[in-house]
């Protein structure tokens, strides 16, 4: 099962029957729409394991964030 736009399983939505397994790398990409012409898109890499998960993104370093003009 794949959705348009290059997204691959596991898609995290309530209708996807695929179970998360240990060793799967997930790119979690939430978008916050501040207004009609402004949005913020963040990508976090998360590695699943038998014990839980580990966030691989260095979220403390915001000095290199890219501003994309809208």
PDB file of N, CA and C in Angstrom:
ATOM      1  N   UNK A   1       0.842  -1.164   0.000  1.00  0.00           N
ATOM      2  CA  UNK A   1       0.000   0.000   0.000  1.00  0.00           C
ATOM      3  C   UNK A   1       0.893   1.234   0.000  1.00  0.00           C
ATOM      4  N   UNK A   2       0.687   2.109  -0.943  1.00  0.00           N
ATOM      5  CA  UNK A   2       1.453   3.341  -0.995  1.00  0.00           C
ATOM      6  C   UNK A   2       0.539   4.472  -1.419  1.00  0.00           C
ATOM      7  N   UNK A   3       0.796   5.623  -0.900  1.00  0.00           N
ATOM      8  CA  UNK A   3       0.004   6.800  -1.222  1.00  0.00           C
ATOM      9  C   UNK A   3       0.816   7.663  -2.162  1.00  0.00           C
ATOM     10  N   UNK A   4       0.170   8.465  -2.979  1.00  0.00           N
ATOM     11  CA  UNK A   4       0.879   9.336  -3.895  1.00  0.00           C
ATOM     12  C   UNK A   4       1.844  10.270  -3.174  1.00  0.00           C
ATOM     13  N   UNK A   5       2.835  10.775  -3.900  1.00  0.00           N
ATOM     14  CA  UNK A   5       3.779  11.710  -3.314  1.00  0.00           C
ATOM     15  C   UNK A   5       5.010  11.058  -2.742  1.00  0.00           C
ATOM     16  N   UNK A   6       5.228   9.778  -3.016  1.00  0.00           N
ATOM     17  CA  UNK A   6       6.442   9.126  -2.569  1.00  0.00           C
ATOM     18  C   UNK A   6       6.411   8.623  -1.138  1.00  0.00           C
ATOM     19  N   UNK A   7       5.258   8.539  -0.530  1.00  0.00           N
ATOM     20  CA  UNK A   7       5.157   8.033   0.836  1.00  0.00           C
ATOM     21  C   UNK A   7       5.086   6.520   0.817  1.00  0.00           C
ATOM     22  N   UNK A   8       5.833   5.892   1.719  1.00  0.00           N
ATOM     23  CA  UNK A   8       5.879   4.438   1.791  1.00  0.00           C
ATOM     24  C   UNK A   8       5.397   3.962   3.155  1.00  0.00           C
ATOM     25  N   UNK A   9       5.020   2.702   3.224  1.00  0.00           N
ATOM     26  CA  UNK A   9       4.638   2.102   4.495  1.00  0.00           C
ATOM     27  C   UNK A   9       5.836   2.066   5.429  1.00  0.00           C
ATOM     28  N   UNK A  10       5.603   2.171   6.697  1.00  0.00           N
ATOM     29  CA  UNK A  10       4.302   2.224   7.339  1.00  0.00           C
ATOM     30  C   UNK A  10       3.755   3.652   7.403  1.00  0.00           C
ATOM     31  N   UNK A  11       2.597   3.863   6.789  1.00  0.00           N
ATOM     32  CA  UNK A  11       1.896   5.135   6.913  1.00  0.00           C
ATOM     33  C   UNK A  11       1.165   5.115   8.245  1.00  0.00           C
ATOM     34  N   UNK A  12       1.342   6.131   9.033  1.00  0.00           N
ATOM     35  CA  UNK A  12       0.736   6.154  10.362  1.00  0.00           C
ATOM     36  C   UNK A  12      -0.649   6.791  10.304  1.00  0.00           C
ATOM     37  N   UNK A  13      -1.641   5.960  10.110  1.00  0.00           N
ATOM     38  CA  UNK A  13      -3.039   6.389  10.149  1.00  0.00           C
ATOM     39  C   UNK A  13      -3.882   5.206  10.627  1.00  0.00           C
ATOM     40  N   UNK A  14      -5.048   5.470  11.142  1.00  0.00           N
ATOM     41  CA  UNK A  14      -5.832   4.408  11.785  1.00  0.00           C
ATOM     42  C   UNK A  14      -6.297   3.294  10.848  1.00  0.00           C
ATOM     43  N   UNK A  15      -6.242   3.480   9.533  1.00  0.00           N
ATOM     44  CA  UNK A  15      -6.747   2.472   8.612  1.00  0.00           C
ATOM     45  C   UNK A  15      -5.645   1.597   8.015  1.00  0.00           C
ATOM     46  N   UNK A  16      -4.396   1.820   8.391  1.00  0.00           N
ATOM     47  CA  UNK A  16      -3.295   0.995   7.893  1.00  0.00           C
ATOM     48  C   UNK A  16      -3.135  -0.208   8.821  1.00  0.00           C
ATOM     49  N   UNK A  17      -3.343  -1.420   8.308  1.00  0.00           N
ATOM     50  CA  UNK A  17      -3.260  -2.610   9.161  1.00  0.00           C
ATOM     51  C   UNK A  17      -1.823  -3.062   9.451  1.00  0.00           C
ATOM     52  N   UNK A  18      -0.827  -2.468   8.775  1.00  0.00           N
ATOM     53  CA  UNK A  18       0.555  -2.901   8.970  1.00  0.00           C
ATOM     54  C   UNK A  18       1.043  -2.555  10.373  1.00  0.00           C
ATOM     55  N   UNK A  19       1.657  -3.536  11.039  1.00  0.00           N
ATOM     56  CA  UNK A  19       2.192  -3.333  12.389  1.00  0.00           C
ATOM     57  C   UNK A  19       3.597  -2.762  12.300  1.00  0.00           C
ATOM     58  N   UNK A  20       3.951  -1.931  13.256  1.00  0.00           N
ATOM     59  CA  UNK A  20       5.321  -1.446  13.348  1.00  0.00           C
ATOM     60  C   UNK A  20       6.193  -2.562  13.883  1.00  0.00           C
ATOM     61  N   UNK A  21       7.371  -2.740  13.298  1.00  0.00           N
ATOM     62  CA  UNK A  21       8.299  -3.769  13.723  1.00  0.00           C
ATOM     63  C   UNK A  21       9.609  -3.136  14.163  1.00  0.00           C
ATOM     64  N   UNK A  22      10.370  -3.864  14.941  1.00  0.00           N
ATOM     65  CA  UNK A  22      11.687  -3.392  15.369  1.00  0.00           C
ATOM     66  C   UNK A  22      12.584  -3.208  14.150  1.00  0.00           C
ATOM     67  N   UNK A  23      13.370  -2.136  14.147  1.00  0.00           N
ATOM     68  CA  UNK A  23      14.295  -1.862  13.063  1.00  0.00           C
ATOM     69  C   UNK A  23      13.742  -0.993  11.956  1.00  0.00           C
ATOM     70  N   UNK A  24      12.492  -0.581  12.070  1.00  0.00           N
ATOM     71  CA  UNK A  24      11.889   0.274  11.048  1.00  0.00           C
ATOM     72  C   UNK A  24      12.276   1.730  11.330  1.00  0.00           C
ATOM     73  N   UNK A  25      12.695   2.438  10.288  1.00  0.00           N
ATOM     74  CA  UNK A  25      13.020   3.851  10.393  1.00  0.00           C
ATOM     75  C   UNK A  25      11.838   4.648   9.855  1.00  0.00           C
ATOM     76  N   UNK A  26      11.321   5.541  10.673  1.00  0.00           N
ATOM     77  CA  UNK A  26      10.149   6.334  10.301  1.00  0.00           C
ATOM     78  C   UNK A  26      10.565   7.789  10.163  1.00  0.00           C
ATOM     79  N   UNK A  27      10.163   8.425   9.071  1.00  0.00           N
ATOM     80  CA  UNK A  27      10.326   9.865   8.915  1.00  0.00           C
ATOM     81  C   UNK A  27       8.980  10.485   9.246  1.00  0.00           C
ATOM     82  N   UNK A  28       8.873  11.035  10.435  1.00  0.00           N
ATOM     83  CA  UNK A  28       7.631  11.655  10.895  1.00  0.00           C
ATOM     84  C   UNK A  28       7.648  13.104  10.441  1.00  0.00           C
ATOM     85  N   UNK A  29       6.655  13.506   9.650  1.00  0.00           N
ATOM     86  CA  UNK A  29       6.675  14.817   9.000  1.00  0.00           C
ATOM     87  C   UNK A  29       5.388  15.603   9.250  1.00  0.00           C
ATOM     88  N   UNK A  30       5.190  16.085  10.465  1.00  0.00           N
ATOM     89  CA  UNK A  30       3.993  16.891  10.715  1.00  0.00           C
ATOM     90  C   UNK A  30       4.127  18.286  10.094  1.00  0.00           C
ATOM     91  N   UNK A  31       3.026  18.841   9.673  1.00  0.00           N
ATOM     92  CA  UNK A  31       2.988  20.206   9.145  1.00  0.00           C
ATOM     93  C   UNK A  31       2.015  21.019   9.986  1.00  0.00           C
ATOM     94  N   UNK A  32       2.458  22.190  10.392  1.00  0.00           N
ATOM     95  CA  UNK A  32       1.598  23.114  11.139  1.00  0.00           C
ATOM     96  C   UNK A  32       1.293  24.289  10.238  1.00  0.00           C
ATOM     97  N   UNK A  33       0.028  24.529   9.984  1.00  0.00           N
ATOM     98  CA  UNK A  33      -0.385  25.645   9.138  1.00  0.00           C
ATOM     99  C   UNK A  33      -0.748  26.822  10.045  1.00  0.00           C
ATOM    100  N   UNK A  34       0.182  27.782  10.148  1.00  0.00           N
ATOM    101  CA  UNK A  34      -0.011  28.940  11.022  1.00  0.00           C
ATOM    102  C   UNK A  34      -1.089  29.859  10.465  1.00  0.00           C
ATOM    103  N   UNK A  35      -1.176  29.967   9.165  1.00  0.00           N
ATOM    104  CA  UNK A  35      -2.217  30.741   8.490  1.00  0.00           C
ATOM    105  C   UNK A  35      -2.316  30.206   7.068  1.00  0.00           C
ATOM    106  N   UNK A  36      -3.165  30.790   6.269  1.00  0.00           N
ATOM    107  CA  UNK A  36      -3.363  30.301   4.904  1.00  0.00           C
ATOM    108  C   UNK A  36      -2.071  30.353   4.083  1.00  0.00           C
ATOM    109  N   UNK A  37      -1.224  31.340   4.356  1.00  0.00           N
ATOM    110  CA  UNK A  37      -0.001  31.492   3.566  1.00  0.00           C
ATOM    111  C   UNK A  37       1.278  31.168   4.334  1.00  0.00           C
ATOM    112  N   UNK A  38       1.148  30.640   5.557  1.00  0.00           N
ATOM    113  CA  UNK A  38       2.332  30.277   6.355  1.00  0.00           C
ATOM    114  C   UNK A  38       2.166  28.889   6.932  1.00  0.00           C
ATOM    115  N   UNK A  39       3.188  28.050   6.728  1.00  0.00           N
ATOM    116  CA  UNK A  39       3.154  26.735   7.345  1.00  0.00           C
ATOM    117  C   UNK A  39       4.566  26.336   7.757  1.00  0.00           C
ATOM    118  N   UNK A  40       4.639  25.465   8.744  1.00  0.00           N
ATOM    119  CA  UNK A  40       5.904  24.967   9.263  1.00  0.00           C
ATOM    120  C   UNK A  40       5.905  23.460   9.087  1.00  0.00           C
ATOM    121  N   UNK A  41       6.963  22.957   8.473  1.00  0.00           N
ATOM    122  CA  UNK A  41       7.078  21.528   8.199  1.00  0.00           C
ATOM    123  C   UNK A  41       8.325  21.030   8.930  1.00  0.00           C
ATOM    124  N   UNK A  42       8.158  20.039   9.769  1.00  0.00           N
ATOM    125  CA  UNK A  42       9.250  19.496  10.567  1.00  0.00           C
ATOM    126  C   UNK A  42       9.405  18.022  10.209  1.00  0.00           C
ATOM    127  N   UNK A  43      10.632  17.553  10.127  1.00  0.00           N
ATOM    128  CA  UNK A  43      10.873  16.133   9.871  1.00  0.00           C
ATOM    129  C   UNK A  43      11.731  15.559  10.990  1.00  0.00           C
ATOM    130  N   UNK A  44      11.257  14.499  11.596  1.00  0.00           N
ATOM    131  CA  UNK A  44      12.010  13.789  12.625  1.00  0.00           C
ATOM    132  C   UNK A  44      12.204  12.350  12.188  1.00  0.00           C
ATOM    133  N   UNK A  45      13.421  11.834  12.362  1.00  0.00           N
ATOM    134  CA  UNK A  45      13.697  10.428  12.090  1.00  0.00           C
ATOM    135  C   UNK A  45      13.606   9.652  13.394  1.00  0.00           C
ATOM    136  N   UNK A  46      12.837   8.579  13.372  1.00  0.00           N
ATOM    137  CA  UNK A  46      12.611   7.769  14.560  1.00  0.00           C
ATOM    138  C   UNK A  46      12.895   6.309  14.207  1.00  0.00           C
ATOM    139  N   UNK A  47      13.744   5.669  14.993  1.00  0.00           N
ATOM    140  CA  UNK A  47      14.080   4.263  14.800  1.00  0.00           C
ATOM    141  C   UNK A  47      13.320   3.439  15.828  1.00  0.00           C
ATOM    142  N   UNK A  48      12.549   2.452  15.357  1.00  0.00           N
ATOM    143  CA  UNK A  48      11.816   1.584  16.271  1.00  0.00           C
ATOM    144  C   UNK A  48      12.715   0.436  16.714  1.00  0.00           C
ATOM    145  N   UNK A  49      12.477  -0.040  17.929  1.00  0.00           N
ATOM    146  CA  UNK A  49      13.240  -1.175  18.450  1.00  0.00           C
ATOM    147  C   UNK A  49      12.324  -2.044  19.295  1.00  0.00           C
ATOM    148  N   UNK A  50      12.819  -3.175  19.717  1.00  0.00           N
ATOM    149  CA  UNK A  50      12.025  -4.070  20.558  1.00  0.00           C
ATOM    150  C   UNK A  50      11.711  -3.417  21.908  1.00  0.00           C
ATOM    151  N   UNK A  51      12.568  -2.474  22.339  1.00  0.00           N
ATOM    152  CA  UNK A  51      12.377  -1.796  23.630  1.00  0.00           C
ATOM    153  C   UNK A  51      11.543  -0.527  23.522  1.00  0.00           C
ATOM    154  N   UNK A  52      11.254  -0.077  22.313  1.00  0.00           N
ATOM    155  CA  UNK A  52      10.520   1.178  22.132  1.00  0.00           C
ATOM    156  C   UNK A  52      10.997   1.896  20.887  1.00  0.00           C
ATOM    157  N   UNK A  53      11.583   3.078  21.079  1.00  0.00           N
ATOM    158  CA  UNK A  53      12.029   3.858  19.926  1.00  0.00           C
ATOM    159  C   UNK A  53      13.176   4.771  20.328  1.00  0.00           C
ATOM    160  N   UNK A  54      13.851   5.315  19.307  1.00  0.00           N
ATOM    161  CA  UNK A  54      14.910   6.291  19.533  1.00  0.00           C
ATOM    162  C   UNK A  54      14.783   7.380  18.475  1.00  0.00           C
ATOM    163  N   UNK A  55      14.704   8.636  18.917  1.00  0.00           N
ATOM    164  CA  UNK A  55      14.629   9.763  17.999  1.00  0.00           C
ATOM    165  C   UNK A  55      16.049  10.075  17.535  1.00  0.00           C
ATOM    166  N   UNK A  56      16.275  10.043  16.220  1.00  0.00           N
ATOM    167  CA  UNK A  56      17.602  10.261  15.665  1.00  0.00           C
ATOM    168  C   UNK A  56      17.850  11.720  15.290  1.00  0.00           C
ATOM    169  N   UNK A  57      16.801  12.518  15.211  1.00  0.00           N
ATOM    170  CA  UNK A  57      16.927  13.918  14.839  1.00  0.00           C
ATOM    171  C   UNK A  57      17.553  14.717  15.974  1.00  0.00           C
ATOM    172  N   UNK A  58      18.497  15.589  15.622  1.00  0.00           N
ATOM    173  CA  UNK A  58      19.113  16.484  16.599  1.00  0.00           C
ATOM    174  C   UNK A  58      18.201  17.697  16.760  1.00  0.00           C
ATOM    175  N   UNK A  59      17.188  17.565  17.580  1.00  0.00           N
ATOM    176  CA  UNK A  59      16.177  18.614  17.712  1.00  0.00           C
ATOM    177  C   UNK A  59      16.661  19.831  18.478  1.00  0.00           C
ATOM    178  N   UNK A  60      17.782  19.733  19.159  1.00  0.00           N
ATOM    179  CA  UNK A  60      18.263  20.881  19.920  1.00  0.00           C
ATOM    180  C   UNK A  60      18.952  21.909  19.028  1.00  0.00           C
ATOM    181  N   UNK A  61      19.405  21.524  17.857  1.00  0.00           N
ATOM    182  CA  UNK A  61      20.119  22.439  16.989  1.00  0.00           C
ATOM    183  C   UNK A  61      19.142  23.081  16.014  1.00  0.00           C
ATOM    184  N   UNK A  62      18.685  24.280  16.327  1.00  0.00           N
ATOM    185  CA  UNK A  62      17.781  24.999  15.414  1.00  0.00           C
ATOM    186  C   UNK A  62      18.531  26.088  14.655  1.00  0.00           C
ATOM    187  N   UNK A  63      19.847  26.204  14.871  1.00  0.00           N
ATOM    188  CA  UNK A  63      20.603  27.254  14.204  1.00  0.00           C
ATOM    189  C   UNK A  63      20.706  27.021  12.699  1.00  0.00           C
ATOM    190  N   UNK A  64      20.516  25.784  12.243  1.00  0.00           N
ATOM    191  CA  UNK A  64      20.633  25.483  10.830  1.00  0.00           C
ATOM    192  C   UNK A  64      19.273  25.212  10.165  1.00  0.00           C
ATOM    193  N   UNK A  65      18.206  25.654  10.819  1.00  0.00           N
ATOM    194  CA  UNK A  65      16.882  25.458  10.216  1.00  0.00           C
ATOM    195  C   UNK A  65      16.767  26.310   8.967  1.00  0.00           C
ATOM    196  N   UNK A  66      16.081  25.791   7.978  1.00  0.00           N
ATOM    197  CA  UNK A  66      15.946  26.466   6.691  1.00  0.00           C
ATOM    198  C   UNK A  66      14.591  27.165   6.642  1.00  0.00           C
ATOM    199  N   UNK A  67      14.591  28.433   6.305  1.00  0.00           N
ATOM    200  CA  UNK A  67      13.368  29.172   6.097  1.00  0.00           C
ATOM    201  C   UNK A  67      13.032  29.146   4.615  1.00  0.00           C
ATOM    202  N   UNK A  68      11.850  28.675   4.293  1.00  0.00           N
ATOM    203  CA  UNK A  68      11.418  28.611   2.892  1.00  0.00           C
ATOM    204  C   UNK A  68      10.371  29.689   2.684  1.00  0.00           C
ATOM    205  N   UNK A  69      10.682  30.686   1.849  1.00  0.00           N
ATOM    206  CA  UNK A  69       9.713  31.764   1.615  1.00  0.00           C
ATOM    207  C   UNK A  69       8.455  31.225   0.943  1.00  0.00           C
ATOM    208  N   UNK A  70       7.317  31.745   1.350  1.00  0.00           N
ATOM    209  CA  UNK A  70       6.054  31.247   0.815  1.00  0.00           C
ATOM    210  C   UNK A  70       5.420  32.138  -0.082  1.00  0.00           C
TER     211      UNK A  70
END
